[in-house]
Protein backbone atom coordinates (compact mmCIF):
# COMPACT_ATOMS: atom_id res chain seq x y z
CA MET A 1 -5.04 -20.83 49.67
CA SER A 2 -2.28 -19.68 51.99
CA GLU A 3 -2.34 -16.43 53.95
CA ASN A 4 0.52 -15.11 51.76
CA ASP A 5 -1.54 -15.82 48.63
CA MET A 6 -4.49 -13.96 50.13
CA VAL A 7 -2.29 -10.97 50.99
CA SER A 8 -0.88 -10.92 47.45
CA ILE A 9 -4.39 -10.92 45.96
CA TRP A 10 -5.48 -8.13 48.34
CA VAL A 11 -2.49 -5.95 47.35
CA GLU A 12 -3.12 -6.63 43.66
CA ILE A 13 -6.77 -5.56 43.93
CA HIS A 14 -6.36 -2.67 46.39
CA GLY A 15 -2.78 -1.53 45.78
CA HIS A 16 -3.70 1.69 43.98
CA LEU A 17 -6.16 2.86 46.67
CA ASN A 18 -4.91 5.10 49.45
CA PRO A 19 -5.35 3.84 53.05
CA VAL A 20 -8.63 5.74 53.58
CA GLN A 21 -10.06 4.34 50.36
CA GLN A 22 -8.84 0.87 51.31
CA ALA A 23 -10.75 1.15 54.60
CA LEU A 24 -13.93 1.94 52.66
CA ALA A 25 -13.28 -0.95 50.26
CA ARG A 26 -12.79 -3.33 53.20
CA ALA A 27 -16.00 -2.14 54.85
CA MET A 28 -17.94 -2.60 51.61
CA SER A 29 -16.35 -6.02 51.15
CA ASP A 30 -17.50 -7.01 54.65
CA VAL A 31 -21.10 -6.23 53.63
CA SER A 32 -20.67 -8.34 50.50
CA GLU A 33 -19.21 -11.16 52.57
CA ALA A 34 -22.15 -11.05 54.98
CA ALA A 35 -24.73 -10.95 52.18
CA TYR A 36 -23.19 -13.39 49.70
CA PHE A 37 -20.18 -15.07 51.34
CA ALA A 38 -18.13 -13.33 48.63
CA GLY A 39 -15.51 -10.66 49.29
CA TRP A 40 -16.72 -8.52 46.39
CA MET A 41 -19.90 -9.79 44.78
CA ASP A 42 -20.67 -8.47 41.30
CA GLY A 43 -22.56 -5.23 41.89
CA THR A 44 -21.33 -4.70 45.45
CA GLU A 45 -21.01 -0.96 44.89
CA TYR A 46 -24.71 -0.77 43.94
CA GLY A 47 -26.01 -3.20 46.55
CA VAL A 48 -24.21 -1.53 49.45
CA TRP A 49 -25.27 1.98 48.35
CA ARG A 50 -28.89 0.84 48.07
CA LEU A 51 -28.76 -0.72 51.53
CA LEU A 52 -27.32 2.50 52.97
CA TYR A 53 -29.94 4.79 51.49
CA ASP A 54 -33.02 2.64 50.81
CA GLY A 55 -32.66 -0.28 53.22
CA GLY A 56 -34.22 -3.54 52.12
CA THR A 57 -32.44 -6.77 51.34
CA TRP A 58 -29.39 -7.76 49.37
CA GLY A 59 -28.37 -11.37 49.00
CA MET A 60 -28.99 -13.32 52.18
CA ALA A 61 -29.14 -10.30 54.47
CA ASP A 62 -30.97 -7.05 55.02
CA ALA A 63 -30.16 -3.58 56.28
CA VAL A 64 -31.28 -4.47 59.80
CA THR A 65 -29.07 -7.55 60.16
CA LEU A 66 -26.20 -5.71 58.46
CA ALA A 67 -26.50 -2.63 60.70
CA SER A 68 -23.01 -2.88 62.20
CA GLU A 69 -21.38 -3.52 58.80
CA LEU A 70 -23.32 -0.61 57.27
CA ASP A 71 -22.27 1.66 60.14
CA ALA A 72 -18.65 0.81 59.32
CA VAL A 73 -19.28 1.69 55.66
CA ARG A 74 -20.89 5.01 56.68
CA SER A 75 -17.91 5.89 58.86
CA ALA A 76 -15.36 5.01 56.19
CA PHE A 77 -17.42 6.73 53.49
CA ALA A 78 -17.57 9.97 55.50
CA VAL A 79 -13.76 10.08 55.64
CA ALA A 80 -13.03 8.81 52.12
CA ASP A 81 -15.41 11.22 50.34
CA CYS A 82 -15.63 8.84 47.37
CA TRP A 83 -17.21 5.50 46.51
CA ILE A 84 -15.42 2.31 45.56
CA VAL A 85 -16.39 0.50 42.36
CA TRP A 86 -15.08 -2.55 40.57
CA ASP A 87 -13.19 -1.59 37.41
CA ASN A 88 -13.27 -4.51 34.97
CA ASP A 89 -10.61 -2.91 32.77
CA ALA A 90 -8.17 -2.68 35.66
CA ASP A 91 -9.42 -5.94 37.24
CA GLY A 92 -9.62 -4.24 40.59
CA GLN A 93 -11.22 -1.54 42.65
CA GLU A 94 -11.29 2.14 41.83
CA ALA A 95 -12.20 5.18 43.91
CA VAL A 96 -14.81 7.29 42.14
CA PRO A 97 -15.69 10.89 43.04
CA LEU A 98 -19.17 11.17 44.53
CA ASP A 99 -20.69 13.25 41.74
CA GLN A 100 -19.56 10.68 39.17
CA TRP A 101 -20.78 7.81 41.36
CA GLU A 102 -24.21 9.36 41.91
CA ARG A 103 -24.66 9.68 38.12
CA ARG A 104 -23.61 6.05 37.64
CA TYR A 105 -26.00 4.91 40.35
CA ALA A 106 -28.90 6.91 38.85
CA GLU A 107 -28.22 5.36 35.43
CA TRP A 108 -28.09 1.90 37.00
CA THR A 109 -31.42 2.37 38.78
CA GLU A 110 -33.04 3.56 35.53
CA ARG A 111 -31.89 0.38 33.74
CA ARG A 112 -33.31 -1.90 36.44
């Protein structure tokens, strides 16, 4: 895949996010890449949140080995004041207000 193809895919997935939200999405994607060698593994929004607040492992990494990536997520998250989720209907990422995200996360943990 050429660099131009990669840029086109990035714009398609992230085009509707503002620059602050894009920074958070990139930071979360970096965690996914480190844990699974995938830019946005299915469930990244849940795995990254769990690592931030509960620690533990996700994929092939843990909160200790991902400390620098998680610090980048924390920094971006503090500025963005939202969480990024994958929206299957839009086939891309969506910024979700924190109150809505926290409800989604609580429902997800109850189903697990």
